[in-house]
């Protein structure tokens, strides 16, 4: 399950930015970009759980 968290977090950050832009409220832009940055940092953290094919072939 952890191997898919990177893709999930990247997708969620895109959805949050899209919703934040469409809401057009006073603080929605700041909040949506803040949440997107946090989700992208989490996506970068969970890239270590993506399997490496080079190690398996050796």
C-alpha atoms as a PDB file:
ATOM      1  CA  UNK A   1       0.000   0.000   0.000  1.00  0.00           C
ATOM      2  CA  UNK A   2       2.845   2.396   0.762  1.00  0.00           C
ATOM      3  CA  UNK A   3       4.094   2.180  -2.826  1.00  0.00           C
ATOM      4  CA  UNK A   4       0.901   3.821  -4.073  1.00  0.00           C
ATOM      5  CA  UNK A   5       0.921   6.709  -1.583  1.00  0.00           C
ATOM      6  CA  UNK A   6       3.149   8.839  -3.830  1.00  0.00           C
ATOM      7  CA  UNK A   7       0.631   8.758  -6.676  1.00  0.00           C
ATOM      8  CA  UNK A   8      -2.276   9.278  -4.291  1.00  0.00           C
ATOM      9  CA  UNK A   9      -0.681  12.348  -2.690  1.00  0.00           C
ATOM     10  CA  UNK A  10       0.194  13.887  -6.059  1.00  0.00           C
ATOM     11  CA  UNK A  11      -3.377  13.348  -7.270  1.00  0.00           C
ATOM     12  CA  UNK A  12      -4.829  14.795  -4.088  1.00  0.00           C
ATOM     13  CA  UNK A  13      -2.659  17.877  -4.345  1.00  0.00           C
ATOM     14  CA  UNK A  14      -3.933  18.490  -7.873  1.00  0.00           C
ATOM     15  CA  UNK A  15      -7.539  18.079  -6.774  1.00  0.00           C
ATOM     16  CA  UNK A  16      -7.057  20.419  -3.807  1.00  0.00           C
ATOM     17  CA  UNK A  17      -5.506  23.116  -6.005  1.00  0.00           C
ATOM     18  CA  UNK A  18      -8.324  22.770  -8.534  1.00  0.00           C
ATOM     19  CA  UNK A  19     -11.016  23.023  -5.860  1.00  0.00           C
ATOM     20  CA  UNK A  20      -9.239  25.950  -4.196  1.00  0.00           C
ATOM     21  CA  UNK A  21      -9.148  27.862  -7.464  1.00  0.00           C
ATOM     22  CA  UNK A  22     -12.794  27.146  -8.237  1.00  0.00           C
ATOM     23  CA  UNK A  23     -14.052  28.170  -4.772  1.00  0.00           C
ATOM     24  CA  UNK A  24     -12.661  31.688  -5.159  1.00  0.00           C
ATOM     25  CA  UNK A  25     -12.905  32.517  -1.459  1.00  0.00           C
ATOM     26  CA  UNK A  26     -10.625  34.883   0.427  1.00  0.00           C
ATOM     27  CA  UNK A  27      -8.339  32.330   2.119  1.00  0.00           C
ATOM     28  CA  UNK A  28      -8.960  29.349  -0.156  1.00  0.00           C
ATOM     29  CA  UNK A  29      -5.939  30.036  -2.350  1.00  0.00           C
ATOM     30  CA  UNK A  30      -3.508  30.209   0.551  1.00  0.00           C
ATOM     31  CA  UNK A  31      -4.971  27.152   2.240  1.00  0.00           C
ATOM     32  CA  UNK A  32      -5.111  25.075  -0.943  1.00  0.00           C
ATOM     33  CA  UNK A  33      -1.519  25.864  -1.911  1.00  0.00           C
ATOM     34  CA  UNK A  34      -0.371  25.143   1.658  1.00  0.00           C
ATOM     35  CA  UNK A  35      -2.102  21.775   1.671  1.00  0.00           C
ATOM     36  CA  UNK A  36      -0.751  20.994  -1.799  1.00  0.00           C
ATOM     37  CA  UNK A  37       2.816  21.683  -0.669  1.00  0.00           C
ATOM     38  CA  UNK A  38       2.379  19.456   2.378  1.00  0.00           C
ATOM     39  CA  UNK A  39       0.961  16.659   0.204  1.00  0.00           C
ATOM     40  CA  UNK A  40       3.809  16.991  -2.295  1.00  0.00           C
ATOM     41  CA  UNK A  41       6.329  16.755   0.547  1.00  0.00           C
ATOM     42  CA  UNK A  42       4.613  13.591   1.753  1.00  0.00           C
ATOM     43  CA  UNK A  43       4.692  12.228  -1.800  1.00  0.00           C
ATOM     44  CA  UNK A  44       8.429  12.874  -1.943  1.00  0.00           C
ATOM     45  CA  UNK A  45       8.876  11.117   1.398  1.00  0.00           C
ATOM     46  CA  UNK A  46       7.025   7.982   0.287  1.00  0.00           C
ATOM     47  CA  UNK A  47       9.050   7.591  -2.923  1.00  0.00           C
ATOM     48  CA  UNK A  48      11.466   5.433  -0.939  1.00  0.00           C
ATOM     49  CA  UNK A  49       8.815   2.680  -0.862  1.00  0.00           C
ATOM     50  CA  UNK A  50       8.640   2.419  -4.664  1.00  0.00           C
ATOM     51  CA  UNK A  51      10.399  -0.838  -5.588  1.00  0.00           C
ATOM     52  CA  UNK A  52      13.737  -0.600  -7.401  1.00  0.00           C
ATOM     53  CA  UNK A  53      13.971  -3.029 -10.333  1.00  0.00           C
ATOM     54  CA  UNK A  54      17.773  -2.812 -10.594  1.00  0.00           C
ATOM     55  CA  UNK A  55      18.291  -4.360  -7.160  1.00  0.00           C
ATOM     56  CA  UNK A  56      15.934  -7.248  -7.941  1.00  0.00           C
ATOM     57  CA  UNK A  57      17.720  -8.203 -11.201  1.00  0.00           C
ATOM     58  CA  UNK A  58      21.143  -8.478  -9.569  1.00  0.00           C
END
